[in-house]
Amino acid sequence: MSTTHFSGPVESETGFTTGTAGIATSIEAVTAGDTLVEADHGRTIVLSDAASGNVTLPAVTLTGFAVTILCGFAITTSSAVLSAEGDNITGTLVVNGATVLAIAEDQINFILNLAEVGDYIYLVSDGSQWIVNGIGGAGGSITATDPS
């Protein structure tokens, strides 16, 4: 590994870290549901229990807010990623090699006994909708629905 040298002033608005300091704060394990807030921007949320519960996204008006939801456990109870407002999750998932379109959906679901460790979705807000993409290994492991 090489060393980086700087010449002149180096500024940081959020401070500097060395080694692995700060890395662990970008991961959050969820075992009983969670409601995300602005401070969760950029985090990876790991569904870490057989019954991890639902994850509710913050207001879509947080333009640029981005989060990854990762299945880290063989779940036995379905978990959903819910839009706080509804009807505003749009994008493309690849599930078992097939394209699954999400068009103005309320939620993205990790399905019990089908979602596998490593299945994930990535969401980013453009201020009016959540744009989603992700990958599910088994057929039906991740779905996009509008139950209302």
Protein backbone atom coordinates (compact mmCIF):
# COMPACT_ATOMS: atom_id res chain seq x y z
CA MET A 1 0.00 0.00 0.00
CA SER A 2 1.35 3.41 -0.86
CA THR A 3 1.41 6.58 1.19
CA THR A 4 -0.25 9.78 0.02
CA HIS A 5 1.55 13.08 0.61
CA PHE A 6 -0.11 16.48 0.41
CA SER A 7 1.53 19.80 -0.26
CA GLY A 8 -0.23 22.89 1.03
CA PRO A 9 -3.30 23.21 3.24
CA VAL A 10 -5.84 20.36 3.37
CA GLU A 11 -9.31 21.20 4.66
CA SER A 12 -12.19 18.97 5.73
CA GLU A 13 -15.68 20.01 6.74
CA THR A 14 -16.26 16.74 8.62
CA GLY A 15 -12.81 15.94 9.98
CA PHE A 16 -10.28 13.29 9.11
CA THR A 17 -9.99 9.63 10.06
CA THR A 18 -7.13 7.20 9.83
CA GLY A 19 -7.14 3.45 9.48
CA THR A 20 -10.59 1.97 10.02
CA ALA A 21 -11.88 4.65 12.42
CA GLY A 22 -15.36 5.71 11.39
CA ILE A 23 -16.07 2.74 9.13
CA ALA A 24 -18.29 0.91 11.60
CA THR A 25 -20.62 3.93 11.88
CA SER A 26 -21.65 3.52 8.25
CA ILE A 27 -23.29 0.14 9.02
CA GLU A 28 -26.44 -0.24 11.07
CA ALA A 29 -27.85 -3.62 12.04
CA VAL A 30 -31.65 -3.80 12.20
CA THR A 31 -33.34 -6.54 14.20
CA ALA A 32 -36.75 -5.04 15.01
CA GLY A 33 -37.56 -2.41 12.38
CA ASP A 34 -36.27 1.13 12.02
CA THR A 35 -37.36 4.57 10.84
CA LEU A 36 -34.54 6.29 9.01
CA VAL A 37 -33.62 9.93 9.59
CA GLU A 38 -31.38 12.42 7.81
CA ALA A 39 -28.34 11.21 9.81
CA ASP A 40 -28.72 7.78 8.15
CA HIS A 41 -27.71 9.21 4.76
CA GLY A 42 -25.00 7.07 3.17
CA ARG A 43 -25.41 4.18 5.58
CA THR A 44 -25.81 0.52 4.83
CA ILE A 45 -28.73 -0.90 6.79
CA VAL A 46 -28.33 -4.64 7.37
CA LEU A 47 -31.38 -6.83 8.01
CA SER A 48 -29.64 -8.82 10.74
CA ASP A 49 -32.27 -11.11 12.21
CA ALA A 50 -34.71 -13.75 11.02
CA ALA A 51 -37.51 -11.25 11.75
CA SER A 52 -35.79 -7.91 11.06
CA GLY A 53 -38.99 -5.91 10.69
CA ASN A 54 -39.71 -3.02 8.37
CA VAL A 55 -37.52 -0.04 7.51
CA THR A 56 -39.31 3.26 6.87
CA LEU A 57 -37.58 5.79 4.65
CA PRO A 58 -37.40 9.47 5.65
CA ALA A 59 -39.32 12.15 3.77
CA VAL A 60 -38.62 11.96 0.05
CA THR A 61 -37.96 15.72 0.10
CA LEU A 62 -34.47 15.01 1.52
CA THR A 63 -32.97 15.41 -1.95
CA GLY A 64 -29.84 13.32 -2.37
CA PHE A 65 -30.52 11.08 0.64
CA ALA A 66 -29.15 7.65 -0.23
CA VAL A 67 -29.17 4.34 1.62
CA THR A 68 -28.41 0.69 0.93
CA ILE A 69 -30.55 -2.03 2.54
CA LEU A 70 -28.74 -5.38 2.66
CA CYS A 71 -30.08 -8.79 3.65
CA GLY A 72 -27.54 -10.10 6.16
CA PHE A 73 -29.53 -13.04 7.51
CA ALA A 74 -31.76 -15.81 6.16
CA ILE A 75 -35.02 -14.06 7.05
CA THR A 76 -38.06 -16.10 8.03
CA THR A 77 -40.44 -13.15 8.25
CA SER A 78 -40.74 -10.77 5.29
CA SER A 79 -39.27 -7.30 5.76
CA ALA A 80 -40.40 -4.23 3.83
CA VAL A 81 -38.73 -0.95 3.01
CA LEU A 82 -41.56 1.56 3.21
CA SER A 83 -41.94 5.02 1.70
CA ALA A 84 -43.14 7.51 4.31
CA GLU A 85 -45.48 9.07 1.73
CA GLY A 86 -46.33 6.10 -0.52
CA ASP A 87 -46.58 5.80 -4.31
CA ASN A 88 -43.09 7.19 -4.95
CA ILE A 89 -40.61 4.31 -5.25
CA THR A 90 -39.56 3.82 -8.88
CA GLY A 91 -36.70 1.94 -10.52
CA THR A 92 -35.38 -1.43 -11.58
CA LEU A 93 -34.55 -4.57 -9.64
CA VAL A 94 -32.85 -7.67 -11.03
CA VAL A 95 -34.31 -10.72 -9.33
CA ASN A 96 -33.02 -14.17 -10.31
CA GLY A 97 -31.81 -12.64 -13.59
CA ALA A 98 -35.19 -11.11 -14.46
CA THR A 99 -36.02 -7.41 -14.56
CA VAL A 100 -38.61 -6.31 -11.99
CA LEU A 101 -39.87 -2.77 -12.51
CA ALA A 102 -41.00 -0.61 -9.62
CA ILE A 103 -43.37 2.12 -10.80
CA ALA A 104 -44.81 4.49 -8.16
CA GLU A 105 -44.74 1.77 -5.49
CA ASP A 106 -45.25 2.06 -1.71
CA GLN A 107 -42.67 -0.52 -0.67
CA ILE A 108 -39.89 -2.91 -1.60
CA ASN A 109 -40.13 -6.31 0.08
CA PHE A 110 -37.51 -8.86 1.09
CA ILE A 111 -39.57 -12.07 1.03
CA LEU A 112 -39.38 -14.70 3.77
CA ASN A 113 -37.52 -17.92 2.95
CA LEU A 114 -36.49 -16.48 -0.47
CA ALA A 115 -34.34 -13.44 0.32
CA GLU A 116 -30.72 -14.51 0.63
CA VAL A 117 -27.71 -13.09 2.40
CA GLY A 118 -26.27 -10.51 0.01
CA ASP A 119 -29.57 -9.49 -1.64
CA TYR A 120 -29.78 -5.70 -1.53
CA ILE A 121 -31.47 -2.53 -2.70
CA TYR A 122 -30.05 0.96 -3.09
CA LEU A 123 -32.36 3.98 -2.86
CA VAL A 124 -31.73 7.64 -3.54
CA SER A 125 -34.18 10.54 -3.37
CA ASP A 126 -34.37 13.09 -6.18
CA GLY A 127 -36.68 15.23 -4.04
CA SER A 128 -39.94 13.88 -5.45
CA GLN A 129 -39.40 10.11 -5.74
CA TRP A 130 -37.20 7.31 -4.43
CA ILE A 131 -35.13 5.78 -7.22
CA VAL A 132 -34.35 2.15 -6.47
CA ASN A 133 -32.09 -0.49 -7.92
CA GLY A 134 -31.02 -3.79 -6.45
CA ILE A 135 -30.35 -7.48 -6.85
CA GLY A 136 -32.10 -10.55 -5.48
CA GLY A 137 -30.62 -13.99 -6.07
CA ALA A 138 -33.72 -16.21 -5.94
CA GLY A 139 -36.94 -15.86 -7.91
CA GLY A 140 -39.42 -13.75 -5.92
CA SER A 141 -36.84 -12.78 -3.28
CA ILE A 142 -37.40 -9.03 -3.70
CA THR A 143 -40.70 -7.54 -4.82
CA ALA A 144 -42.08 -4.03 -5.39
CA THR A 145 -45.67 -3.48 -4.31
CA ASP A 146 -48.36 -0.86 -3.78
CA PRO A 147 -50.70 -2.55 -1.28
CA SER A 148 -52.98 0.48 -0.80
